[in-house]
Every structure is written in structure tokens, then in C-alpha cells.
Protein backbone atom coordinates (compact mmCIF):
# COMPACT_ATOMS: atom_id res chain seq x y z
CA MET A 1 0.06 0.10 -0.05
CA GLU A 2 1.13 3.43 -0.73
CA ARG A 3 1.62 6.18 1.65
CA VAL A 4 1.90 9.85 0.48
CA ASP A 5 1.62 13.15 2.13
CA VAL A 6 -1.21 14.57 -0.45
CA VAL A 7 -3.56 12.75 -2.71
CA VAL A 8 -5.06 15.13 -5.50
CA ALA A 9 -8.24 14.00 -7.13
CA GLY A 10 -8.33 15.02 -10.48
CA CYS A 11 -5.86 16.00 -13.24
CA GLY A 12 -7.48 18.45 -15.26
CA VAL A 13 -5.43 21.78 -15.38
CA VAL A 14 -6.17 22.93 -11.83
CA GLY A 15 -5.50 19.53 -10.36
CA LEU A 16 -2.50 19.08 -11.93
CA ALA A 17 -1.08 22.39 -11.43
CA CYS A 18 -2.18 22.11 -7.48
CA ALA A 19 -0.11 18.49 -7.63
CA TRP A 20 2.77 20.23 -9.53
CA GLN A 21 2.89 22.86 -6.83
CA LEU A 22 2.81 20.38 -3.85
CA ALA A 23 5.69 18.60 -5.51
CA ARG A 24 7.76 21.82 -5.56
CA ARG A 25 7.43 22.12 -2.04
CA GLY A 26 8.77 18.72 -1.48
CA LEU A 27 5.84 17.00 -0.60
CA LYS A 28 5.14 13.33 -1.80
CA VAL A 29 1.89 13.86 -4.02
CA ALA A 30 0.06 11.26 -5.79
CA ALA A 31 -2.63 12.77 -8.23
CA VAL A 32 -5.40 10.50 -9.33
CA ASP A 33 -7.61 10.73 -12.08
CA ARG A 34 -10.97 8.64 -13.28
CA GLY A 35 -9.74 8.80 -16.79
CA ARG A 36 -6.71 10.10 -18.73
CA PHE A 37 -5.50 13.37 -17.10
CA GLY A 38 -6.53 16.28 -18.90
CA GLN A 39 -9.40 14.81 -21.03
CA GLY A 40 -12.33 16.25 -19.11
CA THR A 41 -13.17 20.12 -19.17
CA SER A 42 -9.57 21.14 -19.94
CA ALA A 43 -9.78 19.74 -23.32
CA THR A 44 -12.70 22.03 -24.05
CA SER A 45 -11.77 25.16 -22.75
CA PHE A 46 -11.55 28.47 -24.71
CA ALA A 47 -8.30 29.00 -22.53
CA TRP A 48 -8.14 32.52 -22.83
CA ALA A 49 -5.61 33.34 -19.58
CA ASN A 50 -7.06 37.11 -18.62
CA ALA A 51 -8.39 39.26 -15.50
CA SER A 52 -9.95 41.94 -17.93
CA THR A 53 -13.29 40.34 -17.93
CA LYS A 54 -13.31 39.95 -13.90
CA THR A 55 -14.15 43.35 -12.73
CA ALA A 56 -17.47 42.86 -10.59
CA PHE A 57 -15.19 41.94 -7.76
CA GLU A 58 -12.00 43.05 -7.04
CA PRO A 59 -10.52 40.36 -5.01
CA TYR A 60 -11.45 37.86 -7.72
CA HIS A 61 -9.83 40.16 -10.69
CA ARG A 62 -6.66 40.15 -8.23
CA LEU A 63 -6.33 36.64 -8.03
CA ASN A 64 -6.99 36.27 -11.81
CA ALA A 65 -4.15 38.91 -12.55
CA ALA A 66 -2.01 36.94 -9.94
CA GLY A 67 -3.10 33.75 -12.52
CA LEU A 68 -1.93 35.43 -15.57
CA ALA A 69 1.49 36.69 -13.66
CA ALA A 70 2.03 33.02 -13.14
CA TYR A 71 2.26 32.23 -16.34
CA HIS A 72 4.52 34.97 -17.65
CA ALA A 73 7.04 34.05 -14.75
CA LEU A 74 6.79 30.45 -16.00
CA ALA A 75 7.52 31.12 -19.46
CA ALA A 76 10.25 33.40 -18.68
CA GLU A 77 11.76 30.50 -16.69
CA HIS A 78 11.08 27.66 -19.33
CA GLY A 79 9.96 29.30 -22.65
CA ALA A 80 6.50 30.24 -23.73
CA ALA A 81 6.20 27.49 -26.23
CA ALA A 82 7.30 24.87 -23.84
CA ILE A 83 4.24 25.53 -21.66
CA GLY A 84 2.06 26.45 -24.50
CA LEU A 85 1.48 30.29 -23.98
CA HIS A 86 0.22 31.96 -27.21
CA GLY A 87 -0.40 35.27 -28.43
CA ARG A 88 0.13 38.99 -27.69
CA GLY A 89 -2.88 40.18 -25.99
CA SER A 90 -6.55 40.33 -26.09
CA LEU A 91 -9.22 43.09 -27.95
CA GLN A 92 -12.57 43.49 -26.57
CA TRP A 93 -14.61 45.77 -29.00
CA ALA A 94 -17.70 47.29 -29.37
CA PRO A 95 -19.39 49.50 -32.29
CA ALA A 96 -19.21 53.14 -30.98
CA GLU A 97 -22.52 54.02 -31.51
CA ASN A 98 -24.03 51.28 -29.21
CA ASP A 99 -24.14 53.34 -26.02
CA LEU A 100 -24.93 50.20 -23.84
CA LEU A 101 -21.97 47.94 -25.16
CA ALA A 102 -19.53 51.02 -25.65
CA GLY A 103 -20.43 52.24 -22.33
CA GLN A 104 -19.77 48.83 -20.53
CA LEU A 105 -16.11 48.85 -22.19
CA GLN A 106 -15.69 52.27 -21.14
CA ASP A 107 -16.72 51.37 -17.62
CA THR A 108 -14.04 48.16 -18.08
CA TYR A 109 -11.42 50.16 -19.21
CA GLU A 110 -11.60 52.61 -15.89
CA THR A 111 -12.15 49.73 -13.61
CA LEU A 112 -8.86 47.99 -14.83
CA ARG A 113 -6.81 51.49 -15.04
CA GLY A 114 -8.10 52.13 -11.61
CA TRP A 115 -6.64 48.93 -10.57
CA ASN A 116 -3.40 49.41 -12.31
CA TYR A 117 -4.03 46.59 -14.59
CA PRO A 118 -2.24 47.26 -18.29
CA VAL A 119 -4.83 48.29 -20.55
CA GLU A 120 -5.44 50.70 -23.44
CA TRP A 121 -8.39 52.45 -24.77
CA LEU A 122 -8.27 52.07 -28.70
CA ASP A 123 -10.28 53.79 -31.18
CA ARG A 124 -11.12 52.57 -34.74
CA VAL A 125 -8.12 54.08 -36.20
CA ALA A 126 -5.80 52.35 -33.99
CA ILE A 127 -7.72 48.81 -34.18
CA ALA A 128 -7.44 49.28 -37.87
CA ALA A 129 -3.66 50.16 -38.12
CA ARG A 130 -2.64 47.19 -35.47
CA TRP A 131 -5.02 44.65 -36.93
CA PRO A 132 -5.50 45.19 -40.75
CA ALA A 133 -6.99 42.09 -41.60
CA LEU A 134 -9.94 42.90 -39.53
CA LEU A 135 -13.43 44.07 -40.96
CA LEU A 136 -14.48 47.20 -39.14
CA VAL A 137 -17.85 48.10 -40.84
CA GLU A 138 -18.46 50.49 -37.99
CA ASP A 139 -16.91 52.99 -35.79
CA MET A 140 -15.49 50.58 -33.21
CA VAL A 141 -13.82 50.91 -30.08
CA GLY A 142 -11.75 48.43 -27.71
CA VAL A 143 -10.02 47.83 -24.51
CA PHE A 144 -6.72 46.00 -25.44
CA CYS A 145 -4.62 44.13 -22.80
CA GLY A 146 -1.49 43.37 -24.32
CA THR A 147 -0.10 40.90 -21.22
CA GLU A 148 -3.26 38.87 -21.51
CA ARG A 149 -2.16 35.13 -23.56
CA TRP A 150 -4.16 32.07 -24.66
CA VAL A 151 -2.99 28.56 -23.80
CA ASP A 152 -2.62 25.48 -25.47
CA VAL A 153 -4.08 23.35 -22.44
CA PRO A 154 -2.67 19.90 -23.83
CA ARG A 155 0.78 21.13 -24.04
CA LEU A 156 0.82 22.63 -20.79
CA LEU A 157 -0.55 19.72 -19.13
CA VAL A 158 2.22 17.50 -20.71
CA TRP A 159 4.63 20.20 -19.29
CA LEU A 160 2.94 19.85 -15.93
CA ALA A 161 2.69 15.98 -15.81
CA ALA A 162 6.80 15.56 -16.70
CA ASP A 163 7.62 18.27 -14.30
CA PHE A 164 5.49 16.46 -11.63
CA ARG A 165 7.09 13.24 -12.27
CA ARG A 166 10.45 14.80 -12.28
CA LEU A 167 9.74 16.18 -8.63
CA GLY A 168 9.03 12.58 -7.55
CA GLY A 169 5.30 12.81 -8.11
CA THR A 170 2.90 9.74 -8.95
CA LEU A 171 0.30 10.31 -11.91
CA PHE A 172 -2.44 7.82 -11.71
CA GLU A 173 -4.79 7.42 -14.65
CA ASN A 174 -8.11 5.44 -15.23
CA ARG A 175 -8.23 4.85 -11.46
CA PRO A 176 -11.57 6.37 -9.95
CA ILE A 177 -11.91 7.18 -6.32
CA VAL A 178 -14.81 4.88 -5.06
CA ALA A 179 -14.38 5.60 -1.37
CA VAL A 180 -12.78 7.52 1.49
CA ARG A 181 -11.44 5.72 4.60
CA ARG A 182 -11.53 8.26 7.60
CA ASP A 183 -9.83 7.26 11.16
CA GLY A 184 -11.32 9.57 13.99
CA GLY A 185 -13.32 11.75 11.61
CA ARG A 186 -9.86 12.63 9.57
CA ILE A 187 -9.28 11.15 6.38
CA ALA A 188 -6.68 8.18 6.48
CA ALA A 189 -6.89 6.94 2.63
CA ILE A 190 -8.25 6.93 -0.60
CA GLU A 191 -9.65 3.83 -2.23
CA THR A 192 -9.47 3.60 -6.07
CA ALA A 193 -10.33 1.23 -8.15
CA ALA A 194 -6.85 -0.48 -8.06
CA GLY A 195 -6.64 -0.33 -4.50
CA GLU A 196 -5.67 2.17 -1.57
CA ILE A 197 -3.43 5.07 -1.18
CA GLU A 198 -2.97 6.30 2.52
CA THR A 199 -2.84 9.80 3.23
CA GLY A 200 -3.98 12.35 5.59
CA ARG A 201 -4.84 14.91 3.28
CA LEU A 202 -6.92 15.08 0.36
CA LEU A 203 -7.26 17.69 -2.33
CA ILE A 204 -10.23 17.39 -4.60
CA ALA A 205 -9.74 19.04 -7.61
CA ALA A 206 -11.66 17.23 -9.95
CA GLY A 207 -14.39 20.14 -11.71
CA ILE A 208 -17.72 18.87 -12.26
CA ASP A 209 -16.81 15.91 -10.25
CA THR A 210 -16.42 17.42 -7.34
CA PRO A 211 -19.78 17.61 -5.52
CA LYS A 212 -19.52 13.50 -5.75
CA LEU A 213 -15.73 13.44 -4.27
CA ALA A 214 -16.88 15.70 -1.45
CA ALA A 215 -19.63 13.86 -0.48
CA LEU A 216 -17.54 10.59 -0.43
CA ALA A 217 -15.01 12.52 1.74
CA THR A 218 -17.75 14.01 4.12
CA GLY A 219 -19.90 10.83 4.24
CA ASP A 220 -22.63 13.04 3.35
CA ALA A 221 -24.18 11.27 0.43
CA ALA A 222 -26.74 14.80 0.05
CA LEU A 223 -23.75 16.90 -0.67
CA ALA A 224 -23.36 14.93 -4.19
CA GLU A 225 -26.62 16.95 -5.24
CA GLU A 226 -26.61 20.10 -2.59
CA PHE A 227 -22.87 21.24 -3.44
CA PRO A 228 -22.97 24.60 -4.76
CA LEU A 229 -22.19 24.29 -8.27
CA GLN A 230 -23.93 24.17 -11.50
CA VAL A 231 -22.58 22.69 -14.87
CA SER A 232 -22.54 25.34 -17.63
CA PRO A 233 -22.27 23.67 -21.21
CA GLY A 234 -19.67 25.63 -23.77
CA PHE A 235 -19.51 24.90 -27.51
CA LEU A 236 -16.12 25.35 -29.26
CA VAL A 237 -15.52 25.03 -32.79
CA GLU A 238 -11.94 24.65 -34.13
CA THR A 239 -10.86 25.11 -37.91
CA THR A 240 -8.48 23.47 -40.03
CA PRO A 241 -5.33 25.69 -40.82
CA VAL A 242 -6.11 28.60 -42.48
CA ALA A 243 -4.18 31.96 -43.92
CA ALA A 244 -6.68 34.02 -42.41
CA ALA A 245 -5.51 33.10 -38.68
CA LYS A 246 -1.54 34.06 -39.54
CA PRO A 247 -1.73 37.56 -39.09
CA LEU A 248 -3.50 37.38 -35.96
CA ASP A 249 -1.48 37.90 -32.67
CA VAL A 250 -4.60 38.82 -30.63
CA LEU A 251 -7.86 37.14 -29.13
CA LEU A 252 -11.01 38.91 -30.09
CA TRP A 253 -13.81 39.09 -28.11
CA ALA A 254 -17.36 40.88 -28.57
CA ALA A 255 -18.38 43.31 -25.68
CA ASP A 256 -21.92 41.86 -26.27
CA GLU A 257 -21.82 38.53 -24.32
CA ASP A 258 -23.57 36.49 -26.74
CA GLY A 259 -21.10 38.25 -29.61
CA LEU A 260 -18.54 36.08 -31.10
CA HIS A 261 -15.00 35.31 -29.22
CA LEU A 262 -12.20 34.16 -31.61
CA GLN A 263 -8.43 33.30 -31.20
CA PRO A 264 -6.18 31.63 -33.42
CA SER A 265 -5.48 27.87 -32.36
CA PRO A 266 -2.13 26.39 -31.73
CA ARG A 267 -2.55 24.25 -34.83
CA GLY A 268 -2.79 27.00 -37.28
CA GLY A 269 -6.74 27.13 -37.57
CA LEU A 270 -9.12 29.22 -35.58
CA LEU A 271 -10.95 28.41 -32.37
CA LEU A 272 -14.61 29.91 -32.44
CA GLY A 273 -17.39 30.51 -29.72
CA ALA A 274 -20.16 32.17 -28.98
CA GLY A 275 -22.63 33.13 -25.87
CA ASP A 276 -25.86 32.64 -27.41
CA ILE A 277 -24.70 29.25 -29.49
CA ASP A 278 -23.67 27.89 -25.98
CA ASP A 279 -27.12 27.94 -24.85
CA TRP A 280 -28.82 26.55 -27.99
CA VAL A 281 -26.53 23.78 -28.24
CA GLY A 282 -26.97 22.97 -24.43
CA GLU A 283 -25.40 19.42 -23.65
CA GLY A 284 -24.97 18.79 -27.41
CA ASP A 285 -26.99 15.81 -28.03
CA HIS A 286 -28.21 16.22 -31.52
CA PRO A 287 -25.69 15.98 -34.39
CA ALA A 288 -28.11 18.17 -36.30
CA VAL A 289 -27.65 21.13 -33.90
CA ILE A 290 -23.93 20.84 -33.69
CA GLU A 291 -23.75 20.88 -37.57
CA LYS A 292 -26.03 24.21 -37.61
CA ALA A 293 -23.81 25.67 -34.74
CA THR A 294 -20.71 25.15 -36.37
CA ALA A 295 -21.71 26.65 -39.49
CA ALA A 296 -23.10 29.81 -37.60
CA LEU A 297 -19.88 30.40 -36.00
CA VAL A 298 -17.56 29.99 -39.12
CA GLU A 299 -19.90 32.41 -40.62
CA ARG A 300 -19.84 34.74 -37.95
CA ALA A 301 -16.20 34.51 -38.03
CA ARG A 302 -16.11 35.39 -41.88
CA GLY A 303 -17.81 38.86 -40.72
CA TRP A 304 -14.96 39.79 -38.71
CA LEU A 305 -12.07 38.04 -41.45
CA PRO A 306 -13.18 38.69 -44.69
CA ALA A 307 -10.08 36.96 -45.95
CA LEU A 308 -11.28 33.54 -44.18
CA GLU A 309 -12.07 31.41 -46.93
CA THR A 310 -14.66 28.39 -46.36
CA THR A 311 -13.82 26.56 -49.58
CA GLY A 312 -12.09 23.52 -48.27
CA LEU A 313 -12.30 24.68 -44.77
CA HIS A 314 -13.13 21.75 -42.09
CA ALA A 315 -14.55 22.94 -38.87
CA SER A 316 -15.36 20.55 -35.68
CA GLY A 317 -17.59 21.25 -32.77
CA LYS A 318 -16.84 19.94 -29.12
CA VAL A 319 -18.95 20.86 -26.16
CA GLY A 320 -17.49 21.03 -22.91
CA ARG A 321 -19.19 20.96 -19.41
CA ARG A 322 -17.67 23.57 -17.39
CA PRO A 323 -17.89 24.27 -13.41
CA MET A 324 -19.53 27.09 -12.35
CA PRO A 325 -19.71 27.89 -8.47
CA ALA A 326 -23.04 29.03 -7.73
CA ASP A 327 -22.10 32.51 -6.99
CA GLY A 328 -19.64 32.65 -9.83
CA TYR A 329 -16.34 32.67 -7.74
CA SER A 330 -13.84 29.99 -6.88
CA ILE A 331 -14.56 27.75 -4.03
CA LEU A 332 -10.72 27.00 -2.32
CA GLY A 333 -9.98 25.46 0.85
CA PRO A 334 -10.98 23.09 3.39
CA LEU A 335 -14.01 21.34 4.05
CA ALA A 336 -15.40 21.73 7.60
CA GLU A 337 -16.97 18.37 7.61
CA ALA A 338 -14.20 16.45 6.55
CA PRO A 339 -10.78 17.45 8.50
CA GLY A 340 -7.77 16.81 6.37
CA VAL A 341 -10.07 17.45 2.85
CA TRP A 342 -9.37 20.59 0.69
CA VAL A 343 -11.70 21.84 -2.33
CA ALA A 344 -10.37 23.65 -5.44
CA VAL A 345 -13.44 24.44 -8.00
CA THR A 346 -13.66 27.18 -10.23
CA HIS A 347 -14.60 28.72 -13.59
CA SER A 348 -11.70 30.25 -15.47
CA GLY A 349 -9.55 27.33 -14.17
CA VAL A 350 -7.02 27.68 -17.09
CA THR A 351 -6.29 31.53 -15.93
CA LEU A 352 -6.41 30.50 -12.28
CA ALA A 353 -4.81 26.88 -12.27
CA LEU A 354 -1.03 28.18 -11.31
CA GLU A 355 -1.95 30.65 -8.69
CA ILE A 356 -4.48 28.44 -7.13
CA GLY A 357 -2.14 25.35 -7.13
CA ARG A 358 0.68 27.93 -5.45
CA LEU A 359 -1.55 28.89 -2.98
CA LEU A 360 -3.53 26.04 -1.66
CA ALA A 361 -0.09 24.36 -1.78
CA GLU A 362 1.30 26.75 0.99
CA GLU A 363 -1.83 26.47 3.16
CA ILE A 364 -1.43 22.68 2.87
CA GLU A 365 1.99 22.48 3.70
CA THR A 366 2.32 25.47 6.47
CA GLY A 367 -1.38 25.31 7.80
CA ASN A 368 -1.64 28.82 7.22
CA MET A 369 -4.33 30.69 5.06
CA PRO A 370 -2.91 33.05 2.44
CA ALA A 371 -4.79 36.29 2.60
CA ALA A 372 -5.63 35.97 -1.18
CA LEU A 373 -7.94 33.06 -0.43
CA ALA A 374 -10.07 34.46 2.31
CA PRO A 375 -12.91 35.66 -0.02
CA PHE A 376 -13.17 32.22 -1.53
CA ARG A 377 -13.55 29.82 1.36
CA PRO A 378 -15.88 27.05 1.31
CA ASP A 379 -17.35 28.09 4.40
CA ARG A 380 -19.15 30.72 2.66
CA PHE A 381 -21.65 28.27 1.65
CA ALA A 382 -21.74 26.28 5.11
CA LEU A 383 -19.51 23.32 3.44
């Protein structure tokens, strides 16, 4: 029977980043996944590393900004290509004549500037000069964040897994957790389909499976249904390589939340999504709906990139199931009902993964809560 300091349940981008950060602190760590690592929500993420869309709650913005900074620091140490970091910024844009959307962008700009986040206000002339391939049919305004990036998540996960193993971590794939053994109320071991792993500490970072594992860890079966987490479907389309993607070095996002978002993919194509299409695709149960949604997104992309040739273009759609805490903000910290058990579940997992991992690793090793975690504790939901 193996004995480790910490078991991390879930090997998507958040779980694997947590396991890696724990191993960096010298702890003996086992990371366990019910399938192959990175094949859940992490495989269907738009993967925009940003803090510019998080302006409703300053601590959450700060957490995301720290997550983005962690990518820049890791890239400086190991190279952006090695960890899958791409792009040279993001542009949120809207028609200047649309008072609502342009006003929202102006508010975003003022808030970010007030928080000392790197941001620029661009008019139509500046947008056209920087990105001449874009079709600007109206007088546009935009908020440009030059430090923001997008992440090739499979590349990042391969890097994290390799360095985790180098640091002495053990990665168990295809080993679903079926039970949690406690001793005097405190966790003593986790039981997987392939046997037990003894540990006094468990970090659950399993995305949409977090409620089920929290129920096992606490012995409270009702928690599987009552855990304050929703599942939010998200539909993305990736095209085959296209010439129109080559001149782009920016991620594009319409101020209208139902509008298109677009970025170059690591494979030379375009990655496309839109909020309204997420809604009507839903869980993606009907192939005809997927086909229609894919065509609609490609057509919208042509509206922004007139050079996009659709002859011979192939595009494939995929539906992800994203975890969304009930109040929209991360749930990070120990469960009161299960001494020795922590949870890490969040939207914006790609942006936050490295920083969440660092903060929770510090807490798990030292027993002291970093101040940045205080607004995001499970006890705000009586967990």
C-alpha cells in the first residue's frame, strides 16, 4: 500500500497544477484521475488567460491577475512554447454608436486602469492600424490588454505532468476514487479501483465531479446534489489551418456577451465560440444542432475576417461541461465536515490554475491560509 503526504483527486489543469505546486514544495504527492489526465473540461476550454473580464469583484480580479502573472513567470523560466503560452494580447470591442456596449467597455477600461491593470483604450483608427485584416464596418472602440494570452492546454498539461513526475510525484490514470476511509473523523486513505493510497490530506480538484467526491470525503451523500456548483455547457469550434489566422496575434471578444469570441488555435486554425450558441447547443445531444452551430460560428468569423476562405475549410465542434460555483467565484479551501480535505473548484480554471495551486500548496504545507484565499472559502456556503 502506498503512503503519500497528499492525494490530489482530478488531473485537469487545476488538479495537475495543484499537484505540481505541492511537489515543488517537497511533499510526496499522488495525483489520481478517473480517466486520462486532461481529458475532461480542460480539453474543451477556450483557455483565455485573462483578468480583464473579471471586474465585478476586485479580489477575484486580483486572483486572476496573479494567475496570468504566474504564466508569464513560468514562460520566462522555461519558454512560452514549452508551456503552450500564445498570443500578444486581447481586444474586447464594440460599435461606438452602441451606447450600452461602448459604455460597458468604457466602464471596464476605467475599472482596470484604476486597479493598475495594463490596459489601453483604442479607437477605430488604432484598431485598423494594428490589425488590418479585421473588417471594421462600424466606428469601433476597444479595450486592449497586451499582457493577456491564450493557452494550448494539452501542451501545458504535458509539461506539468512531466515536471510533476521529475519532482517525484506519481500520476495515476484510469483510477476512479470509490471510497474515502477516515480514522476518528480525519481522512486516512482513499480507495481507488486499483487499491488504497494512505494519506492524511486530500485535495479535490475534479471540476464537475467535485460534488460527488466531496460527498465521499464527508460521508454526507446529500452533498453530491447540494454542493453549490452548476454545470455550464460551452460549445467551441476549431477550424483546420487557414491563412486568415496567420496575421492574428490577438484574441478577439465582442463586448456583447452573446457575440463571437475568436483566437488563433495552436494548430494554425481558428478557435470560435459565442455565448448565445452555448445556450442553444446545450449538452450537444443532437448532431444536426452541432452542425448548424458550427456553420453559424464560421459564418460569424467571416464577418470579422473577410479573408477567411470557407472553400475546403473543415471545422469541428465540441461541447465542454464547465464547473460554475453558485455565486460565480472560486471555492478554495478546507471542508469543515472532513478534516484533512480541501476543495479547489472554479470557473476560469486555465487562468487560475497555477496561482490556485501555489496558494493551496502553501496552506496545505504550512497550515496557514494565504490572505488571497480568504474571500473564496467553502464556509461561505456552510461547507
